[in-house]
Amino acid sequence: MGNDTIDRAALIRAAFAAREFAYTPYSHFKVGAALLAKDGTVYTGCNVESAAYSPTQCAERTALGKAVSEGARAFTAIAVVGARDNGPDDALITSPCGVCRQMLYEFGGDSLLVIMAKSETDWVERTLGELLPLGFGPAKLQ
């Protein structure tokens, strides 16, 4: 679908309709969006706030987003490293947060290997199934 064949008015209307569902008890600034896929499908969304205001975008989800945005859909392992501000000597075994575990589960399932490292020679590894027992993913929806 070329830019000249897009029904802009319909797309804008869909965004306004989505905005009606926004959950904004804090900023009171409602946003709606309508995303047009190449196949003509319109995907709508609204903003949903949290009392935490601005949940952080984690390294794992940043990597996953970059990979998915470039076409990758299946993964076998992820390495996660973390350290306090004092530098690599303060490295910690750092596991993915709950949100990251769920997003990784979408593309890796139970068998995704999660390597949590303090260094190249000091690490802990678990499967995502161990870190997210009874995970909910695409297979549950079939």
N, C-alpha and C. Protein backbone atom coordinates (compact mmCIF):
# COMPACT_ATOMS: atom_id res chain seq x y z
N MET A 1 0.85 -1.17 0.00
CA MET A 1 0.00 0.00 0.00
C MET A 1 0.89 1.23 0.00
N GLY A 2 0.83 2.03 -1.03
CA GLY A 2 1.65 3.24 -1.13
C GLY A 2 1.08 4.37 -0.30
N ASN A 3 1.91 5.38 -0.05
CA ASN A 3 1.47 6.52 0.75
C ASN A 3 0.29 7.24 0.14
N ASP A 4 0.18 7.21 -1.18
CA ASP A 4 -0.91 7.92 -1.85
C ASP A 4 -2.25 7.20 -1.74
N THR A 5 -2.26 5.94 -1.34
CA THR A 5 -3.51 5.18 -1.22
C THR A 5 -3.98 5.03 0.23
N ILE A 6 -3.29 5.64 1.14
CA ILE A 6 -3.67 5.56 2.55
C ILE A 6 -4.87 6.46 2.82
N ASP A 7 -5.88 5.90 3.45
CA ASP A 7 -7.04 6.69 3.87
C ASP A 7 -6.68 7.34 5.19
N ARG A 8 -6.09 8.53 5.08
CA ARG A 8 -5.59 9.22 6.27
C ARG A 8 -6.71 9.54 7.25
N ALA A 9 -7.85 9.97 6.74
CA ALA A 9 -8.97 10.33 7.61
C ALA A 9 -9.43 9.12 8.44
N ALA A 10 -9.52 7.95 7.82
CA ALA A 10 -9.94 6.74 8.54
C ALA A 10 -8.91 6.36 9.60
N LEU A 11 -7.65 6.52 9.27
CA LEU A 11 -6.60 6.21 10.22
C LEU A 11 -6.65 7.17 11.42
N ILE A 12 -6.88 8.43 11.13
CA ILE A 12 -6.98 9.42 12.21
C ILE A 12 -8.19 9.13 13.09
N ARG A 13 -9.31 8.77 12.48
CA ARG A 13 -10.51 8.42 13.25
C ARG A 13 -10.24 7.23 14.18
N ALA A 14 -9.54 6.25 13.68
CA ALA A 14 -9.21 5.08 14.49
C ALA A 14 -8.34 5.48 15.69
N ALA A 15 -7.44 6.42 15.49
CA ALA A 15 -6.59 6.90 16.59
C ALA A 15 -7.43 7.64 17.63
N PHE A 16 -8.36 8.46 17.16
CA PHE A 16 -9.25 9.15 18.11
C PHE A 16 -10.08 8.15 18.90
N ALA A 17 -10.58 7.13 18.24
CA ALA A 17 -11.38 6.10 18.93
C ALA A 17 -10.53 5.39 19.99
N ALA A 18 -9.30 5.07 19.67
CA ALA A 18 -8.42 4.40 20.62
C ALA A 18 -8.13 5.30 21.82
N ARG A 19 -8.01 6.58 21.57
CA ARG A 19 -7.71 7.52 22.64
C ARG A 19 -8.77 7.50 23.74
N GLU A 20 -9.98 7.17 23.38
CA GLU A 20 -11.07 7.13 24.35
C GLU A 20 -10.83 6.12 25.47
N PHE A 21 -10.00 5.13 25.21
CA PHE A 21 -9.74 4.08 26.20
C PHE A 21 -8.51 4.36 27.06
N ALA A 22 -7.85 5.50 26.85
CA ALA A 22 -6.63 5.81 27.59
C ALA A 22 -6.87 5.81 29.10
N TYR A 23 -5.87 5.35 29.82
CA TYR A 23 -5.90 5.34 31.28
C TYR A 23 -4.86 6.34 31.75
N THR A 24 -5.31 7.52 32.15
CA THR A 24 -4.37 8.60 32.47
C THR A 24 -4.76 9.33 33.76
N PRO A 25 -4.79 8.64 34.90
CA PRO A 25 -5.20 9.29 36.15
C PRO A 25 -4.18 10.30 36.69
N TYR A 26 -2.97 10.32 36.16
CA TYR A 26 -1.92 11.17 36.70
C TYR A 26 -1.66 12.39 35.82
N SER A 27 -1.36 12.20 34.56
CA SER A 27 -1.08 13.33 33.68
C SER A 27 -2.34 13.92 33.07
N HIS A 28 -3.35 13.10 32.98
CA HIS A 28 -4.59 13.50 32.31
C HIS A 28 -4.33 13.87 30.85
N PHE A 29 -3.31 13.33 30.27
CA PHE A 29 -2.95 13.56 28.87
C PHE A 29 -3.16 12.27 28.12
N LYS A 30 -4.24 12.18 27.41
CA LYS A 30 -4.63 10.95 26.72
C LYS A 30 -4.04 10.91 25.31
N VAL A 31 -3.59 9.74 24.92
CA VAL A 31 -2.99 9.56 23.60
C VAL A 31 -3.59 8.32 22.96
N GLY A 32 -3.89 8.41 21.71
CA GLY A 32 -4.34 7.26 20.93
C GLY A 32 -3.46 7.12 19.71
N ALA A 33 -3.33 5.92 19.22
CA ALA A 33 -2.51 5.68 18.03
C ALA A 33 -3.18 4.63 17.16
N ALA A 34 -2.94 4.75 15.89
CA ALA A 34 -3.42 3.75 14.94
C ALA A 34 -2.28 3.46 13.98
N LEU A 35 -1.86 2.26 13.95
CA LEU A 35 -0.71 1.84 13.15
C LEU A 35 -1.20 1.00 11.99
N LEU A 36 -0.87 1.39 10.81
CA LEU A 36 -1.30 0.70 9.59
C LEU A 36 -0.22 -0.28 9.15
N ALA A 37 -0.60 -1.53 9.09
CA ALA A 37 0.33 -2.56 8.61
C ALA A 37 0.30 -2.63 7.08
N LYS A 38 1.33 -3.23 6.51
CA LYS A 38 1.39 -3.36 5.05
C LYS A 38 0.21 -4.11 4.47
N ASP A 39 -0.36 -5.04 5.24
CA ASP A 39 -1.49 -5.82 4.74
C ASP A 39 -2.82 -5.09 4.90
N GLY A 40 -2.78 -3.85 5.38
CA GLY A 40 -3.98 -3.05 5.54
C GLY A 40 -4.58 -3.11 6.93
N THR A 41 -4.05 -3.95 7.79
CA THR A 41 -4.55 -4.06 9.15
C THR A 41 -4.18 -2.81 9.94
N VAL A 42 -5.10 -2.33 10.74
CA VAL A 42 -4.86 -1.18 11.60
C VAL A 42 -4.76 -1.68 13.04
N TYR A 43 -3.67 -1.34 13.70
CA TYR A 43 -3.43 -1.69 15.09
C TYR A 43 -3.55 -0.42 15.91
N THR A 44 -4.44 -0.41 16.89
CA THR A 44 -4.63 0.77 17.70
C THR A 44 -4.08 0.57 19.10
N GLY A 45 -3.81 1.67 19.75
CA GLY A 45 -3.33 1.62 21.12
C GLY A 45 -3.57 2.94 21.81
N CYS A 46 -3.53 2.88 23.13
CA CYS A 46 -3.68 4.09 23.94
C CYS A 46 -2.63 4.07 25.03
N ASN A 47 -2.42 5.22 25.64
CA ASN A 47 -1.46 5.25 26.74
C ASN A 47 -2.10 4.71 28.00
N VAL A 48 -1.27 4.02 28.79
CA VAL A 48 -1.70 3.44 30.06
C VAL A 48 -0.64 3.82 31.08
N GLU A 49 -1.04 4.67 32.02
CA GLU A 49 -0.08 5.16 32.99
C GLU A 49 0.03 4.23 34.20
N SER A 50 1.10 4.45 34.93
CA SER A 50 1.37 3.72 36.16
C SER A 50 1.74 4.73 37.24
N ALA A 51 1.45 4.40 38.46
CA ALA A 51 1.85 5.27 39.56
C ALA A 51 3.36 5.47 39.59
N ALA A 52 4.10 4.56 38.96
CA ALA A 52 5.55 4.70 38.88
C ALA A 52 5.97 5.71 37.81
N TYR A 53 5.01 6.27 37.11
CA TYR A 53 5.18 7.28 36.07
C TYR A 53 5.92 6.80 34.83
N SER A 54 7.17 6.47 34.95
CA SER A 54 7.95 6.18 33.76
C SER A 54 8.74 4.89 33.92
N PRO A 55 8.06 3.74 33.85
CA PRO A 55 8.81 2.49 33.97
C PRO A 55 9.99 2.46 32.98
N THR A 56 11.06 1.93 33.48
CA THR A 56 12.31 1.94 32.74
C THR A 56 12.32 0.94 31.59
N GLN A 57 12.96 1.30 30.50
CA GLN A 57 13.21 0.37 29.39
C GLN A 57 14.51 -0.35 29.73
N CYS A 58 14.43 -1.64 30.00
CA CYS A 58 15.60 -2.42 30.42
C CYS A 58 16.48 -2.81 29.24
N ALA A 59 17.70 -3.18 29.54
CA ALA A 59 18.65 -3.60 28.51
C ALA A 59 18.13 -4.79 27.72
N GLU A 60 17.53 -5.76 28.42
CA GLU A 60 17.03 -6.96 27.74
C GLU A 60 15.94 -6.61 26.73
N ARG A 61 15.02 -5.73 27.12
CA ARG A 61 13.95 -5.34 26.20
C ARG A 61 14.46 -4.44 25.09
N THR A 62 15.49 -3.65 25.37
CA THR A 62 16.09 -2.85 24.31
C THR A 62 16.71 -3.77 23.26
N ALA A 63 17.45 -4.76 23.71
CA ALA A 63 18.05 -5.72 22.77
C ALA A 63 16.97 -6.47 22.00
N LEU A 64 15.95 -6.92 22.72
CA LEU A 64 14.87 -7.66 22.07
C LEU A 64 14.15 -6.78 21.05
N GLY A 65 13.88 -5.54 21.41
CA GLY A 65 13.22 -4.64 20.48
C GLY A 65 14.04 -4.39 19.23
N LYS A 66 15.33 -4.20 19.40
CA LYS A 66 16.19 -4.01 18.24
C LYS A 66 16.18 -5.24 17.35
N ALA A 67 16.26 -6.42 17.96
CA ALA A 67 16.28 -7.67 17.18
C ALA A 67 14.96 -7.86 16.43
N VAL A 68 13.86 -7.71 17.13
CA VAL A 68 12.55 -7.92 16.50
C VAL A 68 12.33 -6.88 15.41
N SER A 69 12.77 -5.64 15.64
CA SER A 69 12.59 -4.60 14.63
C SER A 69 13.41 -4.85 13.37
N GLU A 70 14.39 -5.75 13.47
CA GLU A 70 15.19 -6.10 12.30
C GLU A 70 14.81 -7.47 11.75
N GLY A 71 13.70 -8.05 12.25
CA GLY A 71 13.17 -9.27 11.67
C GLY A 71 13.43 -10.56 12.42
N ALA A 72 14.22 -10.52 13.47
CA ALA A 72 14.49 -11.74 14.23
C ALA A 72 13.28 -12.08 15.09
N ARG A 73 12.96 -13.37 15.16
CA ARG A 73 11.79 -13.79 15.93
C ARG A 73 12.05 -14.98 16.84
N ALA A 74 13.19 -15.58 16.76
CA ALA A 74 13.48 -16.76 17.57
C ALA A 74 14.87 -16.62 18.17
N PHE A 75 15.01 -16.96 19.45
CA PHE A 75 16.27 -16.76 20.15
C PHE A 75 16.59 -17.98 21.01
N THR A 76 17.87 -18.20 21.25
CA THR A 76 18.28 -19.34 22.06
C THR A 76 18.92 -18.96 23.38
N ALA A 77 19.53 -17.78 23.48
CA ALA A 77 20.21 -17.38 24.72
C ALA A 77 20.30 -15.88 24.82
N ILE A 78 20.43 -15.42 26.07
CA ILE A 78 20.70 -14.01 26.34
C ILE A 78 21.68 -13.94 27.50
N ALA A 79 22.62 -13.03 27.40
CA ALA A 79 23.55 -12.78 28.51
C ALA A 79 23.19 -11.43 29.12
N VAL A 80 23.19 -11.38 30.44
CA VAL A 80 22.85 -10.16 31.16
C VAL A 80 23.97 -9.87 32.14
N VAL A 81 24.49 -8.63 32.10
CA VAL A 81 25.51 -8.21 33.04
C VAL A 81 25.07 -6.90 33.70
N GLY A 82 25.43 -6.75 34.95
CA GLY A 82 25.07 -5.52 35.66
C GLY A 82 26.13 -5.17 36.66
N ALA A 83 26.24 -3.86 36.94
CA ALA A 83 27.21 -3.39 37.93
C ALA A 83 26.71 -2.11 38.55
N ARG A 84 27.13 -1.85 39.77
CA ARG A 84 26.84 -0.56 40.40
C ARG A 84 27.62 0.51 39.65
N ASP A 85 27.33 1.74 39.94
CA ASP A 85 28.01 2.85 39.26
C ASP A 85 29.51 2.87 39.46
N ASN A 86 29.99 2.15 40.45
CA ASN A 86 31.42 2.18 40.76
C ASN A 86 32.28 1.44 39.74
N GLY A 87 31.66 0.71 38.82
CA GLY A 87 32.43 0.07 37.76
C GLY A 87 32.38 -1.43 37.81
N PRO A 88 33.15 -2.07 36.93
CA PRO A 88 33.10 -3.53 36.76
C PRO A 88 33.50 -4.32 37.99
N ASP A 89 34.26 -3.71 38.91
CA ASP A 89 34.63 -4.43 40.13
C ASP A 89 33.44 -4.65 41.04
N ASP A 90 32.36 -3.91 40.80
CA ASP A 90 31.14 -4.04 41.58
C ASP A 90 30.07 -4.81 40.81
N ALA A 91 30.49 -5.63 39.88
CA ALA A 91 29.55 -6.39 39.07
C ALA A 91 28.71 -7.31 39.95
N LEU A 92 27.47 -7.48 39.57
CA LEU A 92 26.54 -8.31 40.31
C LEU A 92 25.90 -9.33 39.36
N ILE A 93 25.50 -10.46 39.90
CA ILE A 93 24.66 -11.35 39.13
C ILE A 93 23.32 -10.63 39.00
N THR A 94 22.92 -10.35 37.79
CA THR A 94 21.73 -9.55 37.53
C THR A 94 20.77 -10.34 36.67
N SER A 95 19.59 -10.56 37.19
CA SER A 95 18.60 -11.32 36.42
C SER A 95 17.59 -10.37 35.78
N PRO A 96 16.96 -10.81 34.70
CA PRO A 96 15.95 -9.98 34.05
C PRO A 96 14.77 -9.72 35.00
N CYS A 97 14.22 -8.53 34.92
CA CYS A 97 13.03 -8.21 35.71
C CYS A 97 11.84 -9.01 35.18
N GLY A 98 10.74 -8.95 35.88
CA GLY A 98 9.54 -9.70 35.48
C GLY A 98 9.03 -9.32 34.10
N VAL A 99 9.03 -8.03 33.78
CA VAL A 99 8.55 -7.60 32.47
C VAL A 99 9.44 -8.16 31.37
N CYS A 100 10.74 -8.09 31.58
CA CYS A 100 11.68 -8.63 30.58
C CYS A 100 11.51 -10.14 30.42
N ARG A 101 11.31 -10.83 31.52
CA ARG A 101 11.10 -12.27 31.45
C ARG A 101 9.89 -12.58 30.58
N GLN A 102 8.82 -11.84 30.77
CA GLN A 102 7.62 -12.07 29.97
C GLN A 102 7.86 -11.77 28.50
N MET A 103 8.54 -10.67 28.20
CA MET A 103 8.80 -10.33 26.79
C MET A 103 9.73 -11.35 26.15
N LEU A 104 10.74 -11.79 26.88
CA LEU A 104 11.63 -12.81 26.34
C LEU A 104 10.90 -14.12 26.10
N TYR A 105 9.97 -14.44 26.99
CA TYR A 105 9.19 -15.67 26.86
C TYR A 105 8.41 -15.70 25.55
N GLU A 106 7.96 -14.56 25.13
CA GLU A 106 7.21 -14.45 23.88
C GLU A 106 7.99 -15.03 22.71
N PHE A 107 9.31 -14.84 22.71
CA PHE A 107 10.13 -15.26 21.57
C PHE A 107 11.06 -16.42 21.88
N GLY A 108 11.25 -16.77 23.15
CA GLY A 108 12.19 -17.83 23.49
C GLY A 108 11.58 -18.99 24.24
N GLY A 109 10.45 -18.77 24.88
CA GLY A 109 9.79 -19.83 25.63
C GLY A 109 10.63 -20.36 26.77
N ASP A 110 10.20 -21.51 27.29
CA ASP A 110 10.85 -22.13 28.44
C ASP A 110 12.34 -22.40 28.25
N SER A 111 12.73 -22.72 27.03
CA SER A 111 14.10 -23.20 26.81
C SER A 111 15.14 -22.10 26.60
N LEU A 112 14.75 -20.85 26.51
CA LEU A 112 15.72 -19.78 26.33
C LEU A 112 16.73 -19.81 27.47
N LEU A 113 18.00 -19.82 27.14
CA LEU A 113 19.07 -19.83 28.14
C LEU A 113 19.36 -18.40 28.56
N VAL A 114 19.33 -18.16 29.88
CA VAL A 114 19.61 -16.83 30.43
C VAL A 114 20.91 -16.93 31.21
N ILE A 115 21.93 -16.23 30.73
CA ILE A 115 23.25 -16.24 31.35
C ILE A 115 23.41 -14.92 32.10
N MET A 116 23.54 -15.02 33.42
CA MET A 116 23.67 -13.84 34.27
C MET A 116 25.09 -13.80 34.79
N ALA A 117 25.89 -12.84 34.30
CA ALA A 117 27.33 -12.89 34.52
C ALA A 117 27.89 -11.73 35.32
N LYS A 118 28.87 -12.06 36.17
CA LYS A 118 29.69 -11.05 36.83
C LYS A 118 30.93 -10.77 35.99
N SER A 119 31.37 -11.79 35.25
CA SER A 119 32.54 -11.66 34.37
C SER A 119 32.45 -12.78 33.34
N GLU A 120 33.46 -12.84 32.48
CA GLU A 120 33.48 -13.90 31.46
C GLU A 120 33.69 -15.27 32.06
N THR A 121 34.14 -15.32 33.29
CA THR A 121 34.41 -16.60 33.94
C THR A 121 33.54 -16.86 35.17
N ASP A 122 32.68 -15.94 35.51
CA ASP A 122 31.85 -16.06 36.71
C ASP A 122 30.41 -15.73 36.34
N TRP A 123 29.60 -16.78 36.21
CA TRP A 123 28.22 -16.57 35.81
C TRP A 123 27.31 -17.64 36.38
N VAL A 124 26.01 -17.35 36.29
CA VAL A 124 24.95 -18.28 36.65
C VAL A 124 24.07 -18.39 35.44
N GLU A 125 23.59 -19.58 35.14
CA GLU A 125 22.65 -19.69 34.03
C GLU A 125 21.43 -20.48 34.45
N ARG A 126 20.32 -20.08 33.90
CA ARG A 126 19.03 -20.74 34.12
C ARG A 126 18.27 -20.70 32.81
N THR A 127 17.33 -21.59 32.67
CA THR A 127 16.43 -21.46 31.52
C THR A 127 15.38 -20.42 31.89
N LEU A 128 14.76 -19.87 30.90
CA LEU A 128 13.70 -18.91 31.16
C LEU A 128 12.53 -19.59 31.87
N GLY A 129 12.31 -20.86 31.57
CA GLY A 129 11.28 -21.61 32.27
C GLY A 129 11.52 -21.68 33.77
N GLU A 130 12.79 -21.74 34.17
CA GLU A 130 13.12 -21.71 35.59
C GLU A 130 12.88 -20.33 36.20
N LEU A 131 13.16 -19.29 35.43
CA LEU A 131 12.99 -17.93 35.92
C LEU A 131 11.55 -17.45 35.85
N LEU A 132 10.77 -18.07 34.97
CA LEU A 132 9.37 -17.69 34.80
C LEU A 132 8.53 -18.97 34.77
N PRO A 133 8.40 -19.61 35.94
CA PRO A 133 7.66 -20.88 35.96
C PRO A 133 6.21 -20.66 35.55
N LEU A 134 5.68 -21.63 34.84
CA LEU A 134 4.31 -21.57 34.34
C LEU A 134 4.08 -20.33 33.49
N GLY A 135 5.10 -19.97 32.68
CA GLY A 135 5.03 -18.79 31.84
C GLY A 135 3.86 -18.83 30.86
N PHE A 136 3.37 -17.67 30.53
CA PHE A 136 2.25 -17.54 29.60
C PHE A 136 2.80 -16.98 28.29
N GLY A 137 2.63 -17.75 27.21
CA GLY A 137 3.13 -17.33 25.92
C GLY A 137 2.16 -17.65 24.81
N PRO A 138 2.58 -17.48 23.57
CA PRO A 138 1.73 -17.66 22.41
C PRO A 138 1.05 -19.02 22.35
N ALA A 139 1.72 -20.08 22.78
CA ALA A 139 1.14 -21.42 22.71
C ALA A 139 -0.11 -21.53 23.58
N LYS A 140 -0.19 -20.76 24.65
CA LYS A 140 -1.36 -20.81 25.54
C LYS A 140 -2.61 -20.23 24.88
N LEU A 141 -2.40 -19.46 23.84
CA LEU A 141 -3.52 -18.79 23.18
C LEU A 141 -4.07 -19.56 21.99
N GLN A 142 -3.46 -20.71 21.70
CA GLN A 142 -3.90 -21.48 20.53
C GLN A 142 -4.96 -22.47 20.91
